[in-house]
Every structure is written in structure tokens, then in C-alpha cells.
Amino acid sequence: MPLKILVIDDTALHRAVVEKFLVDRGHEVVLAKGGIEGMNRVETEAFDLVLLDYVMPPPGGLEVLVW
């Protein structure tokens, strides 16, 4: 079953690797370059899963989780 997955990471290479891995398995992937962009996407779109980098410039993964 394909999922709609939001990937939040501040490193372009990490986003690209995770996107390729997930798309190759049939999932729809939306990318966000950081915590603020990721939080904005969650407010406006529905996702089945959110994958986020724990260590990012503020807001980092922990701040996004408690938001």
C-alpha cells in the first residue's frame, strides 16, 4: 500500500537518498528543507508518515515533535 510520506531534512543529499529509496518502493514523497517548512506542510497537507532529521538548525527534530 503506497503511503504519502513527508521527509524533513536540512541536508540535500539525505533528502535525495531517502526520496529515491521510498519512491522506488512506490510511495509518494514530499520533501521539506527544514523544520519550519515541514511544520507548514503538516498544517496544510495530510501525510501517512513523517520522517524527520533529529539534528537540524532550529527548529530541530525535537522542537518539531513537540510542536
Protein backbone atom coordinates (compact mmCIF):
# COMPACT_ATOMS: atom_id res chain seq x y z
CA MET A 1 0.00 0.00 0.00
CA PRO A 2 1.61 3.28 -1.09
CA LEU A 3 1.96 5.95 1.58
CA LYS A 4 2.23 9.72 1.37
CA ILE A 5 5.43 10.49 3.29
CA LEU A 6 6.89 13.84 4.34
CA VAL A 7 10.68 13.84 4.63
CA ILE A 8 12.13 16.75 6.65
CA ASP A 9 15.92 17.13 6.49
CA ASP A 10 18.26 20.10 6.14
CA THR A 11 20.79 18.14 4.04
CA ALA A 12 20.01 17.88 0.32
CA LEU A 13 21.90 14.59 -0.08
CA HIS A 14 19.95 12.95 2.75
CA ARG A 15 16.64 14.10 1.24
CA ALA A 16 17.64 12.76 -2.18
CA VAL A 17 18.71 9.33 -0.85
CA VAL A 18 15.58 8.86 1.26
CA GLU A 19 13.36 10.09 -1.59
CA LYS A 20 14.88 7.61 -4.08
CA PHE A 21 14.56 4.74 -1.61
CA LEU A 22 10.88 5.49 -0.90
CA VAL A 23 9.83 6.34 -4.46
CA ASP A 24 11.44 3.12 -5.73
CA ARG A 25 9.10 1.29 -3.34
CA GLY A 26 6.03 3.04 -4.71
CA HIS A 27 5.47 5.75 -2.12
CA GLU A 28 4.59 9.40 -2.73
CA VAL A 29 7.26 11.62 -1.18
CA VAL A 30 7.10 15.29 -0.24
CA LEU A 31 10.35 16.98 0.77
CA ALA A 32 10.91 19.81 3.26
CA LYS A 33 14.27 21.54 3.73
CA GLY A 34 13.86 22.20 7.45
CA GLY A 35 11.65 22.24 10.50
CA ILE A 36 9.67 25.37 9.66
CA GLU A 37 8.91 24.21 6.12
CA GLY A 38 7.99 20.78 7.46
CA MET A 39 5.63 22.18 10.07
CA ASN A 40 3.96 24.36 7.42
CA ARG A 41 3.45 21.32 5.17
CA VAL A 42 1.89 19.31 8.02
CA GLU A 43 -0.57 22.15 8.67
CA THR A 44 -1.76 22.20 5.06
CA GLU A 45 -1.50 18.57 3.90
CA ALA A 46 -2.30 15.10 5.21
CA PHE A 47 0.55 12.58 5.50
CA ASP A 48 0.61 8.92 6.42
CA LEU A 49 4.14 9.20 7.79
CA VAL A 50 6.63 11.96 8.64
CA LEU A 51 10.36 11.21 8.68
CA LEU A 52 12.49 13.95 10.15
CA ASP A 53 16.09 14.62 10.94
CA TYR A 54 16.68 14.96 14.65
CA VAL A 55 19.69 17.27 14.29
CA MET A 56 18.80 20.39 12.27
CA PRO A 57 19.16 24.11 12.78
CA PRO A 58 16.31 25.41 14.93
CA PRO A 59 13.72 24.23 14.94
CA GLY A 60 15.34 20.80 15.05
CA GLY A 61 13.67 17.44 15.20
CA LEU A 62 12.82 17.61 18.90
CA GLU A 63 11.21 21.04 18.59
CA VAL A 64 9.17 19.87 15.61
CA LEU A 65 7.98 16.81 17.55
CA VAL A 66 6.72 18.82 20.50
CA TRP A 67 5.16 21.47 18.27
